[in-house]
N, C-alpha and C. Protein backbone atom coordinates (compact mmCIF):
# COMPACT_ATOMS: atom_id res chain seq x y z
N UNK A 1 -25.30 -110.59 -39.63
CA UNK A 1 -26.15 -109.45 -39.89
C UNK A 1 -25.89 -108.32 -38.92
N UNK A 2 -25.05 -108.53 -37.98
CA UNK A 2 -24.77 -107.52 -37.00
C UNK A 2 -23.61 -106.62 -37.37
N UNK A 3 -23.16 -106.62 -38.63
CA UNK A 3 -22.03 -105.78 -39.00
C UNK A 3 -22.46 -104.32 -39.15
N UNK A 4 -21.53 -103.45 -38.87
CA UNK A 4 -21.78 -102.01 -38.94
C UNK A 4 -21.38 -101.52 -40.32
N UNK A 5 -22.35 -101.07 -41.11
CA UNK A 5 -22.08 -100.62 -42.46
C UNK A 5 -21.80 -99.13 -42.54
N UNK A 6 -21.85 -98.42 -41.47
CA UNK A 6 -21.62 -96.98 -41.53
C UNK A 6 -20.12 -96.70 -41.57
N UNK A 7 -19.72 -95.95 -42.53
CA UNK A 7 -18.31 -95.60 -42.68
C UNK A 7 -18.20 -94.11 -42.96
N UNK A 8 -17.12 -93.56 -42.54
CA UNK A 8 -16.89 -92.15 -42.84
C UNK A 8 -16.24 -92.05 -44.22
N UNK A 9 -16.22 -90.83 -44.74
CA UNK A 9 -15.55 -90.61 -46.03
C UNK A 9 -14.09 -91.01 -45.97
N UNK A 10 -13.46 -90.75 -44.84
CA UNK A 10 -12.04 -91.09 -44.70
C UNK A 10 -11.85 -92.60 -44.78
N UNK A 11 -12.80 -93.37 -44.19
CA UNK A 11 -12.70 -94.83 -44.27
C UNK A 11 -12.86 -95.31 -45.71
N UNK A 12 -13.72 -94.64 -46.48
CA UNK A 12 -13.98 -95.07 -47.85
C UNK A 12 -12.76 -94.89 -48.76
N UNK A 13 -12.06 -93.79 -48.59
CA UNK A 13 -10.91 -93.57 -49.48
C UNK A 13 -9.60 -94.05 -48.87
N UNK A 14 -9.67 -94.62 -47.69
CA UNK A 14 -8.50 -95.14 -47.00
C UNK A 14 -7.35 -94.13 -46.97
N UNK A 15 -7.72 -92.86 -46.92
CA UNK A 15 -6.69 -91.83 -46.82
C UNK A 15 -5.93 -91.59 -48.11
N UNK A 16 -6.46 -92.06 -49.25
CA UNK A 16 -5.74 -91.94 -50.51
C UNK A 16 -5.82 -90.53 -51.11
N UNK A 17 -6.84 -89.78 -50.77
CA UNK A 17 -6.92 -88.43 -51.31
C UNK A 17 -6.20 -87.49 -50.38
N UNK A 18 -5.67 -86.44 -50.95
CA UNK A 18 -4.98 -85.46 -50.12
C UNK A 18 -5.92 -84.30 -49.84
N UNK A 19 -5.68 -83.67 -48.73
CA UNK A 19 -6.44 -82.48 -48.43
C UNK A 19 -5.94 -81.37 -49.33
N UNK A 20 -6.85 -80.51 -49.78
CA UNK A 20 -6.47 -79.41 -50.65
C UNK A 20 -6.68 -78.11 -49.89
N UNK A 21 -5.64 -77.31 -49.86
CA UNK A 21 -5.71 -76.04 -49.17
C UNK A 21 -6.07 -74.93 -50.15
N UNK A 22 -7.08 -74.13 -49.79
CA UNK A 22 -7.47 -73.01 -50.63
C UNK A 22 -6.72 -71.75 -50.25
N UNK A 23 -6.02 -71.77 -49.14
CA UNK A 23 -5.27 -70.61 -48.68
C UNK A 23 -3.78 -70.88 -48.87
N UNK A 24 -3.18 -70.18 -49.82
CA UNK A 24 -1.75 -70.38 -50.03
C UNK A 24 -0.94 -69.78 -48.88
N UNK A 25 0.23 -70.30 -48.69
CA UNK A 25 1.11 -69.78 -47.64
C UNK A 25 1.63 -68.40 -48.04
N UNK A 26 2.10 -67.67 -47.06
CA UNK A 26 2.68 -66.35 -47.32
C UNK A 26 3.85 -66.46 -48.29
N UNK A 27 4.67 -67.50 -48.13
CA UNK A 27 5.81 -67.70 -49.01
C UNK A 27 5.36 -67.94 -50.44
N UNK A 28 4.30 -68.73 -50.61
CA UNK A 28 3.78 -69.01 -51.96
C UNK A 28 3.23 -67.74 -52.59
N UNK A 29 2.55 -66.92 -51.80
CA UNK A 29 2.01 -65.65 -52.30
C UNK A 29 3.15 -64.74 -52.76
N UNK A 30 4.16 -64.62 -51.94
CA UNK A 30 5.29 -63.74 -52.30
C UNK A 30 6.01 -64.27 -53.53
N UNK A 31 6.26 -65.57 -53.57
CA UNK A 31 6.95 -66.18 -54.71
C UNK A 31 6.14 -65.96 -56.00
N UNK A 32 4.83 -66.19 -55.95
CA UNK A 32 3.98 -66.01 -57.12
C UNK A 32 3.92 -64.54 -57.52
N UNK A 33 3.81 -63.66 -56.54
CA UNK A 33 3.75 -62.22 -56.83
C UNK A 33 5.03 -61.70 -57.45
N UNK A 34 6.16 -62.15 -56.93
CA UNK A 34 7.45 -61.72 -57.49
C UNK A 34 7.59 -62.24 -58.92
N UNK A 35 7.29 -63.51 -59.14
CA UNK A 35 7.41 -64.08 -60.49
C UNK A 35 6.47 -63.37 -61.47
N UNK A 36 5.23 -63.18 -61.07
CA UNK A 36 4.27 -62.50 -61.94
C UNK A 36 4.64 -61.05 -62.17
N UNK A 37 5.09 -60.37 -61.11
CA UNK A 37 5.49 -58.97 -61.24
C UNK A 37 6.67 -58.80 -62.16
N UNK A 38 7.67 -59.67 -62.05
CA UNK A 38 8.84 -59.58 -62.93
C UNK A 38 8.46 -59.84 -64.38
N UNK A 39 7.64 -60.85 -64.61
CA UNK A 39 7.21 -61.14 -65.98
C UNK A 39 6.41 -59.96 -66.55
N UNK A 40 5.50 -59.44 -65.76
CA UNK A 40 4.71 -58.29 -66.20
C UNK A 40 5.59 -57.08 -66.48
N UNK A 41 6.61 -56.87 -65.65
CA UNK A 41 7.51 -55.73 -65.84
C UNK A 41 8.26 -55.84 -67.16
N UNK A 42 8.69 -57.03 -67.49
CA UNK A 42 9.39 -57.23 -68.77
C UNK A 42 8.43 -57.07 -69.95
N UNK A 43 7.23 -57.59 -69.83
CA UNK A 43 6.28 -57.52 -70.93
C UNK A 43 5.79 -56.09 -71.16
N UNK A 44 5.62 -55.32 -70.09
CA UNK A 44 5.21 -53.92 -70.28
C UNK A 44 6.32 -53.15 -71.00
N UNK A 45 7.58 -53.49 -70.73
CA UNK A 45 8.68 -52.84 -71.45
C UNK A 45 8.67 -53.23 -72.92
N UNK A 46 8.32 -54.46 -73.23
CA UNK A 46 8.20 -54.88 -74.63
C UNK A 46 7.09 -54.08 -75.30
N UNK A 47 5.97 -53.93 -74.62
CA UNK A 47 4.87 -53.10 -75.15
C UNK A 47 5.35 -51.68 -75.40
N UNK A 48 6.03 -51.09 -74.44
CA UNK A 48 6.51 -49.72 -74.58
C UNK A 48 7.49 -49.60 -75.75
N UNK A 49 8.34 -50.60 -75.92
CA UNK A 49 9.29 -50.57 -77.04
C UNK A 49 8.56 -50.64 -78.39
N UNK A 50 7.56 -51.50 -78.46
CA UNK A 50 6.82 -51.65 -79.72
C UNK A 50 5.90 -50.47 -80.00
N UNK A 51 5.20 -50.01 -78.99
CA UNK A 51 4.16 -48.99 -79.21
C UNK A 51 4.70 -47.58 -78.98
N UNK A 52 5.21 -47.30 -77.78
CA UNK A 52 5.65 -45.94 -77.47
C UNK A 52 6.86 -45.52 -78.30
N UNK A 53 7.78 -46.47 -78.52
CA UNK A 53 8.98 -46.14 -79.29
C UNK A 53 8.75 -46.39 -80.77
N UNK A 54 8.35 -47.61 -81.12
CA UNK A 54 8.24 -47.99 -82.52
C UNK A 54 7.09 -47.35 -83.26
N UNK A 55 5.88 -47.42 -82.72
CA UNK A 55 4.70 -46.92 -83.44
C UNK A 55 4.44 -45.44 -83.22
N UNK A 56 4.55 -44.99 -81.98
CA UNK A 56 4.18 -43.61 -81.67
C UNK A 56 5.37 -42.65 -81.63
N UNK A 57 6.58 -43.18 -81.60
CA UNK A 57 7.79 -42.36 -81.56
C UNK A 57 7.78 -41.34 -80.42
N UNK A 58 7.33 -41.79 -79.24
CA UNK A 58 7.25 -40.90 -78.07
C UNK A 58 8.58 -40.71 -77.37
N UNK A 59 9.46 -41.68 -77.52
CA UNK A 59 10.77 -41.62 -76.86
C UNK A 59 11.72 -42.56 -77.57
N UNK A 60 13.02 -42.38 -77.34
CA UNK A 60 13.97 -43.35 -77.89
C UNK A 60 13.93 -44.63 -77.06
N UNK A 61 14.35 -45.73 -77.65
CA UNK A 61 14.35 -47.01 -76.95
C UNK A 61 15.14 -46.92 -75.64
N UNK A 62 16.25 -46.20 -75.64
CA UNK A 62 17.06 -46.06 -74.43
C UNK A 62 16.35 -45.27 -73.35
N UNK A 63 15.27 -44.58 -73.71
CA UNK A 63 14.54 -43.79 -72.72
C UNK A 63 13.64 -44.61 -71.82
N UNK A 64 13.34 -45.83 -72.19
CA UNK A 64 12.42 -46.65 -71.40
C UNK A 64 12.93 -46.89 -69.98
N UNK A 65 14.16 -47.39 -69.78
CA UNK A 65 14.60 -47.68 -68.41
C UNK A 65 14.69 -46.44 -67.53
N UNK A 66 15.01 -45.30 -68.10
CA UNK A 66 15.18 -44.10 -67.28
C UNK A 66 13.89 -43.30 -67.12
N UNK A 67 12.83 -43.72 -67.81
CA UNK A 67 11.56 -43.01 -67.77
C UNK A 67 11.01 -42.86 -66.34
N UNK A 68 11.09 -43.90 -65.56
CA UNK A 68 10.55 -43.85 -64.19
C UNK A 68 11.29 -42.83 -63.34
N UNK A 69 12.58 -42.65 -63.57
CA UNK A 69 13.35 -41.66 -62.82
C UNK A 69 12.78 -40.27 -63.05
N UNK A 70 12.51 -39.93 -64.29
CA UNK A 70 11.94 -38.63 -64.61
C UNK A 70 10.54 -38.46 -64.08
N UNK A 71 9.74 -39.51 -64.15
CA UNK A 71 8.36 -39.42 -63.66
C UNK A 71 8.31 -39.21 -62.15
N UNK A 72 9.20 -39.87 -61.43
CA UNK A 72 9.19 -39.79 -59.97
C UNK A 72 9.93 -38.56 -59.45
N UNK A 73 11.09 -38.31 -59.99
CA UNK A 73 11.95 -37.24 -59.43
C UNK A 73 12.01 -35.98 -60.29
N UNK A 74 11.46 -36.04 -61.50
CA UNK A 74 11.49 -34.89 -62.39
C UNK A 74 12.63 -34.99 -63.39
N UNK A 75 12.47 -34.26 -64.48
CA UNK A 75 13.48 -34.28 -65.55
C UNK A 75 14.82 -33.75 -65.09
N UNK A 76 14.80 -32.75 -64.20
CA UNK A 76 16.06 -32.17 -63.72
C UNK A 76 16.94 -33.22 -63.05
N UNK A 77 16.34 -34.00 -62.16
CA UNK A 77 17.09 -35.07 -61.48
C UNK A 77 17.51 -36.12 -62.49
N UNK A 78 16.59 -36.48 -63.37
CA UNK A 78 16.90 -37.49 -64.39
C UNK A 78 18.13 -37.09 -65.20
N UNK A 79 18.20 -35.85 -65.60
CA UNK A 79 19.35 -35.37 -66.39
C UNK A 79 20.61 -35.22 -65.54
N UNK A 80 20.45 -34.78 -64.30
CA UNK A 80 21.62 -34.49 -63.48
C UNK A 80 22.37 -35.74 -63.02
N UNK A 81 21.69 -36.88 -62.93
CA UNK A 81 22.39 -38.08 -62.44
C UNK A 81 22.94 -38.94 -63.58
N UNK A 82 22.74 -38.49 -64.80
CA UNK A 82 23.36 -39.16 -65.95
C UNK A 82 22.97 -40.61 -66.09
N UNK A 83 23.99 -41.44 -66.22
CA UNK A 83 23.76 -42.87 -66.45
C UNK A 83 23.03 -43.54 -65.28
N UNK A 84 23.15 -42.96 -64.10
CA UNK A 84 22.46 -43.52 -62.93
C UNK A 84 20.94 -43.45 -63.08
N UNK A 85 20.44 -42.59 -63.96
CA UNK A 85 18.99 -42.51 -64.20
C UNK A 85 18.46 -43.85 -64.74
N UNK A 86 19.30 -44.57 -65.49
CA UNK A 86 18.91 -45.88 -66.00
C UNK A 86 18.79 -46.89 -64.85
N UNK A 87 19.75 -46.85 -63.95
CA UNK A 87 19.76 -47.77 -62.81
C UNK A 87 18.59 -47.47 -61.88
N UNK A 88 18.43 -46.19 -61.55
CA UNK A 88 17.34 -45.79 -60.65
C UNK A 88 15.98 -46.09 -61.28
N UNK A 89 15.82 -45.75 -62.56
CA UNK A 89 14.55 -46.00 -63.25
C UNK A 89 14.22 -47.48 -63.34
N UNK A 90 15.24 -48.29 -63.63
CA UNK A 90 15.03 -49.73 -63.69
C UNK A 90 14.64 -50.26 -62.31
N UNK A 91 15.32 -49.78 -61.28
CA UNK A 91 14.99 -50.20 -59.91
C UNK A 91 13.56 -49.82 -59.54
N UNK A 92 13.17 -48.59 -59.84
CA UNK A 92 11.80 -48.14 -59.55
C UNK A 92 10.80 -49.03 -60.28
N UNK A 93 11.06 -49.27 -61.57
CA UNK A 93 10.15 -50.07 -62.39
C UNK A 93 9.95 -51.47 -61.80
N UNK A 94 11.04 -52.14 -61.47
CA UNK A 94 10.92 -53.51 -60.99
C UNK A 94 10.43 -53.60 -59.55
N UNK A 95 10.80 -52.67 -58.71
CA UNK A 95 10.30 -52.69 -57.32
C UNK A 95 8.78 -52.51 -57.31
N UNK A 96 8.29 -51.54 -58.09
CA UNK A 96 6.84 -51.33 -58.13
C UNK A 96 6.13 -52.50 -58.79
N UNK A 97 6.71 -53.06 -59.83
CA UNK A 97 6.09 -54.21 -60.49
C UNK A 97 5.99 -55.40 -59.54
N UNK A 98 7.03 -55.63 -58.76
CA UNK A 98 7.00 -56.72 -57.78
C UNK A 98 5.97 -56.43 -56.70
N UNK A 99 5.90 -55.20 -56.24
CA UNK A 99 4.91 -54.85 -55.21
C UNK A 99 3.49 -55.06 -55.73
N UNK A 100 3.21 -54.62 -56.96
CA UNK A 100 1.90 -54.85 -57.55
C UNK A 100 1.65 -56.34 -57.74
N UNK A 101 2.70 -57.10 -58.06
CA UNK A 101 2.56 -58.55 -58.21
C UNK A 101 2.20 -59.22 -56.90
N UNK A 102 2.88 -58.84 -55.84
CA UNK A 102 2.58 -59.43 -54.52
C UNK A 102 1.17 -59.05 -54.08
N UNK A 103 0.76 -57.81 -54.33
CA UNK A 103 -0.60 -57.41 -53.98
C UNK A 103 -1.62 -58.24 -54.74
N UNK A 104 -1.39 -58.45 -56.04
CA UNK A 104 -2.33 -59.28 -56.81
C UNK A 104 -2.36 -60.71 -56.27
N UNK A 105 -1.19 -61.26 -55.98
CA UNK A 105 -1.14 -62.63 -55.45
C UNK A 105 -1.84 -62.73 -54.10
N UNK A 106 -1.84 -61.65 -53.35
CA UNK A 106 -2.52 -61.62 -52.05
C UNK A 106 -4.04 -61.63 -52.22
N UNK A 107 -4.55 -60.88 -53.20
CA UNK A 107 -6.01 -60.81 -53.38
C UNK A 107 -6.57 -61.89 -54.28
N UNK A 108 -5.72 -62.52 -55.09
CA UNK A 108 -6.20 -63.50 -56.06
C UNK A 108 -7.00 -64.65 -55.42
N UNK A 109 -6.58 -65.25 -54.30
CA UNK A 109 -7.37 -66.35 -53.74
C UNK A 109 -8.83 -65.97 -53.44
N UNK A 110 -9.06 -64.74 -53.05
CA UNK A 110 -10.42 -64.26 -52.79
C UNK A 110 -11.27 -64.38 -54.06
N UNK A 111 -10.73 -63.92 -55.18
CA UNK A 111 -11.47 -63.96 -56.44
C UNK A 111 -11.58 -65.38 -56.98
N UNK A 112 -10.52 -66.18 -56.81
CA UNK A 112 -10.55 -67.57 -57.26
C UNK A 112 -11.66 -68.34 -56.57
N UNK A 113 -11.80 -68.15 -55.25
CA UNK A 113 -12.85 -68.85 -54.50
C UNK A 113 -14.24 -68.48 -54.99
N UNK A 114 -14.39 -67.30 -55.55
CA UNK A 114 -15.69 -66.84 -56.04
C UNK A 114 -15.90 -67.15 -57.51
N UNK A 115 -14.96 -67.86 -58.13
CA UNK A 115 -15.13 -68.34 -59.49
C UNK A 115 -14.75 -67.36 -60.59
N UNK A 116 -14.03 -66.30 -60.27
CA UNK A 116 -13.62 -65.34 -61.30
C UNK A 116 -12.40 -65.85 -62.04
N UNK A 117 -12.32 -65.52 -63.31
CA UNK A 117 -11.15 -65.84 -64.12
C UNK A 117 -10.08 -64.80 -63.86
N UNK A 118 -8.83 -65.22 -63.81
CA UNK A 118 -7.71 -64.33 -63.50
C UNK A 118 -7.59 -63.19 -64.50
N UNK A 119 -7.78 -63.47 -65.78
CA UNK A 119 -7.64 -62.40 -66.77
C UNK A 119 -8.73 -61.35 -66.62
N UNK A 120 -9.91 -61.77 -66.20
CA UNK A 120 -11.00 -60.82 -65.96
C UNK A 120 -10.63 -59.88 -64.81
N UNK A 121 -10.15 -60.44 -63.74
CA UNK A 121 -9.72 -59.63 -62.59
C UNK A 121 -8.56 -58.72 -63.01
N UNK A 122 -7.67 -59.23 -63.85
CA UNK A 122 -6.50 -58.46 -64.29
C UNK A 122 -6.89 -57.19 -65.04
N UNK A 123 -7.97 -57.23 -65.79
CA UNK A 123 -8.39 -56.04 -66.54
C UNK A 123 -8.75 -54.89 -65.59
N UNK A 124 -9.46 -55.20 -64.53
CA UNK A 124 -9.81 -54.16 -63.56
C UNK A 124 -8.60 -53.76 -62.72
N UNK A 125 -7.75 -54.74 -62.44
CA UNK A 125 -6.53 -54.47 -61.68
C UNK A 125 -5.62 -53.51 -62.45
N UNK A 126 -5.58 -53.66 -63.77
CA UNK A 126 -4.76 -52.78 -64.61
C UNK A 126 -5.24 -51.33 -64.49
N UNK A 127 -6.54 -51.14 -64.53
CA UNK A 127 -7.09 -49.79 -64.43
C UNK A 127 -6.78 -49.21 -63.05
N UNK A 128 -6.98 -50.00 -62.01
CA UNK A 128 -6.66 -49.54 -60.66
C UNK A 128 -5.18 -49.19 -60.54
N UNK A 129 -4.32 -50.05 -61.06
CA UNK A 129 -2.87 -49.80 -60.99
C UNK A 129 -2.50 -48.52 -61.73
N UNK A 130 -3.07 -48.33 -62.92
CA UNK A 130 -2.76 -47.12 -63.70
C UNK A 130 -3.19 -45.87 -62.94
N UNK A 131 -4.40 -45.88 -62.41
CA UNK A 131 -4.91 -44.71 -61.69
C UNK A 131 -4.05 -44.42 -60.46
N UNK A 132 -3.78 -45.44 -59.65
CA UNK A 132 -2.99 -45.23 -58.42
C UNK A 132 -1.59 -44.75 -58.76
N UNK A 133 -0.93 -45.40 -59.73
CA UNK A 133 0.43 -45.01 -60.09
C UNK A 133 0.48 -43.57 -60.60
N UNK A 134 -0.49 -43.19 -61.39
CA UNK A 134 -0.43 -41.87 -61.97
C UNK A 134 -0.87 -40.77 -61.02
N UNK A 135 -1.74 -41.09 -60.09
CA UNK A 135 -2.03 -40.12 -59.03
C UNK A 135 -0.77 -39.92 -58.19
N UNK A 136 -0.08 -41.01 -57.88
CA UNK A 136 1.17 -40.91 -57.11
C UNK A 136 2.22 -40.09 -57.87
N UNK A 137 2.31 -40.30 -59.18
CA UNK A 137 3.26 -39.53 -59.99
C UNK A 137 2.89 -38.05 -59.96
N UNK A 138 1.60 -37.76 -60.04
CA UNK A 138 1.16 -36.36 -60.00
C UNK A 138 1.50 -35.71 -58.66
N UNK A 139 1.45 -36.49 -57.59
CA UNK A 139 1.80 -35.97 -56.26
C UNK A 139 3.31 -35.81 -56.13
N UNK A 140 4.07 -36.79 -56.65
CA UNK A 140 5.52 -36.81 -56.47
C UNK A 140 6.25 -35.77 -57.31
N UNK A 141 5.75 -35.49 -58.50
CA UNK A 141 6.47 -34.56 -59.37
C UNK A 141 5.51 -33.84 -60.29
N UNK A 142 6.00 -32.78 -60.88
CA UNK A 142 5.18 -32.05 -61.85
C UNK A 142 5.55 -32.45 -63.27
N UNK A 143 6.37 -33.47 -63.39
CA UNK A 143 6.81 -33.95 -64.70
C UNK A 143 6.03 -35.21 -65.07
N UNK A 144 4.87 -35.03 -65.63
CA UNK A 144 4.08 -36.16 -66.05
C UNK A 144 3.33 -35.79 -67.32
N UNK A 145 2.93 -36.80 -68.08
CA UNK A 145 2.18 -36.50 -69.29
C UNK A 145 0.82 -35.88 -68.94
N UNK A 146 0.15 -35.37 -69.93
CA UNK A 146 -1.18 -34.81 -69.74
C UNK A 146 -2.17 -35.95 -69.54
N UNK A 147 -2.56 -36.18 -68.30
CA UNK A 147 -3.44 -37.31 -68.00
C UNK A 147 -4.89 -37.07 -68.42
N UNK A 148 -5.18 -35.93 -69.02
CA UNK A 148 -6.50 -35.68 -69.59
C UNK A 148 -6.52 -36.01 -71.08
N UNK A 149 -5.35 -36.27 -71.66
CA UNK A 149 -5.23 -36.60 -73.07
C UNK A 149 -5.69 -38.04 -73.28
N UNK A 150 -6.72 -38.26 -74.12
CA UNK A 150 -7.21 -39.63 -74.34
C UNK A 150 -6.12 -40.59 -74.84
N UNK A 151 -5.19 -40.11 -75.61
CA UNK A 151 -4.10 -40.97 -76.10
C UNK A 151 -3.26 -41.47 -74.93
N UNK A 152 -2.99 -40.58 -73.98
CA UNK A 152 -2.21 -40.96 -72.79
C UNK A 152 -2.99 -41.96 -71.95
N UNK A 153 -4.28 -41.71 -71.78
CA UNK A 153 -5.11 -42.60 -70.96
C UNK A 153 -5.20 -43.98 -71.60
N UNK A 154 -5.54 -44.03 -72.88
CA UNK A 154 -5.69 -45.32 -73.56
C UNK A 154 -4.36 -46.05 -73.63
N UNK A 155 -3.28 -45.33 -73.96
CA UNK A 155 -1.96 -45.96 -73.99
C UNK A 155 -1.55 -46.47 -72.63
N UNK A 156 -1.87 -45.72 -71.58
CA UNK A 156 -1.55 -46.16 -70.22
C UNK A 156 -2.32 -47.40 -69.83
N UNK A 157 -3.61 -47.41 -70.13
CA UNK A 157 -4.41 -48.60 -69.80
C UNK A 157 -3.90 -49.81 -70.58
N UNK A 158 -3.62 -49.62 -71.86
CA UNK A 158 -3.15 -50.74 -72.68
C UNK A 158 -1.83 -51.29 -72.14
N UNK A 159 -0.91 -50.40 -71.76
CA UNK A 159 0.36 -50.88 -71.23
C UNK A 159 0.15 -51.64 -69.92
N UNK A 160 -0.77 -51.18 -69.11
CA UNK A 160 -1.02 -51.86 -67.84
C UNK A 160 -1.78 -53.17 -68.04
N UNK A 161 -2.58 -53.28 -69.09
CA UNK A 161 -3.17 -54.58 -69.42
C UNK A 161 -2.06 -55.56 -69.78
N UNK A 162 -1.05 -55.07 -70.52
CA UNK A 162 0.09 -55.91 -70.89
C UNK A 162 0.89 -56.33 -69.65
N UNK A 163 0.78 -55.57 -68.59
CA UNK A 163 1.43 -55.92 -67.33
C UNK A 163 0.59 -56.90 -66.52
N UNK A 164 -0.71 -56.59 -66.33
CA UNK A 164 -1.50 -57.36 -65.38
C UNK A 164 -1.99 -58.70 -65.91
N UNK A 165 -2.22 -58.83 -67.20
CA UNK A 165 -2.71 -60.12 -67.70
C UNK A 165 -1.66 -61.22 -67.52
N UNK A 166 -0.40 -61.02 -67.96
CA UNK A 166 0.58 -62.08 -67.68
C UNK A 166 0.81 -62.27 -66.19
N UNK A 167 0.81 -61.18 -65.44
CA UNK A 167 0.94 -61.27 -63.98
C UNK A 167 -0.14 -62.18 -63.42
N UNK A 168 -1.38 -61.94 -63.81
CA UNK A 168 -2.50 -62.72 -63.28
C UNK A 168 -2.40 -64.20 -63.68
N UNK A 169 -2.00 -64.47 -64.91
CA UNK A 169 -1.91 -65.86 -65.35
C UNK A 169 -0.80 -66.61 -64.62
N UNK A 170 0.30 -65.94 -64.37
CA UNK A 170 1.39 -66.57 -63.62
C UNK A 170 0.98 -66.80 -62.17
N UNK A 171 0.37 -65.81 -61.56
CA UNK A 171 -0.08 -65.97 -60.18
C UNK A 171 -1.12 -67.08 -60.09
N UNK A 172 -2.05 -67.10 -61.02
CA UNK A 172 -3.08 -68.14 -61.03
C UNK A 172 -2.45 -69.53 -61.09
N UNK A 173 -1.49 -69.68 -61.97
CA UNK A 173 -0.84 -71.00 -62.11
C UNK A 173 -0.03 -71.37 -60.87
N UNK A 174 0.73 -70.41 -60.34
CA UNK A 174 1.58 -70.71 -59.20
C UNK A 174 0.79 -70.89 -57.90
N UNK A 175 -0.40 -70.30 -57.83
CA UNK A 175 -1.22 -70.44 -56.62
C UNK A 175 -2.38 -71.41 -56.81
N UNK A 176 -2.31 -72.23 -57.85
CA UNK A 176 -3.34 -73.24 -58.02
C UNK A 176 -3.36 -74.08 -56.75
N UNK A 177 -4.52 -74.56 -56.38
CA UNK A 177 -4.66 -75.32 -55.12
C UNK A 177 -3.58 -76.38 -55.02
N UNK A 178 -2.90 -76.34 -53.93
CA UNK A 178 -1.80 -77.26 -53.65
C UNK A 178 -2.23 -78.22 -52.55
N UNK A 179 -1.65 -79.41 -52.52
CA UNK A 179 -1.96 -80.31 -51.41
C UNK A 179 -1.65 -79.62 -50.08
N UNK A 180 -2.52 -79.83 -49.11
CA UNK A 180 -2.35 -79.21 -47.79
C UNK A 180 -1.08 -79.66 -47.12
N UNK A 181 -0.57 -78.80 -46.23
CA UNK A 181 0.69 -79.11 -45.56
C UNK A 181 0.43 -79.37 -44.12
């Protein structure tokens, strides 16, 4: 009758459960952000091809990769560098998409801990991204669409939803709680 029945949780599971870390490593955040950003960048281009080119006839299909060059540096630069406008525009598109992806992956654990769904956060993130990107474009160049036009605003938000929702789902999956290290 003199046995000690008090045991800790660790004694009960004999160390069979693993510790779960809620804070992903910097490497995991960057990896998830890059993967999500690249996927979002490709999907937003698919949206632009279907909607801006196919449905609205706003530009030719070949205009999509070089669009960022004109938005950032102006039409004059876009035209003067010829084929390089495609390379520069593609680089701008993917660098910014990756940066937005890493930023989302950095803030996602905060929202996950509070019980928010990734797609819900992505909707607000899309609006924030659209506003920040377009304010930056307005500062960088005078070659931008009329941002007071409801068609431009709605089309911009929709394209950014097509970017942030897949981004968020990929980040959510890649940053799911992992066994502690």
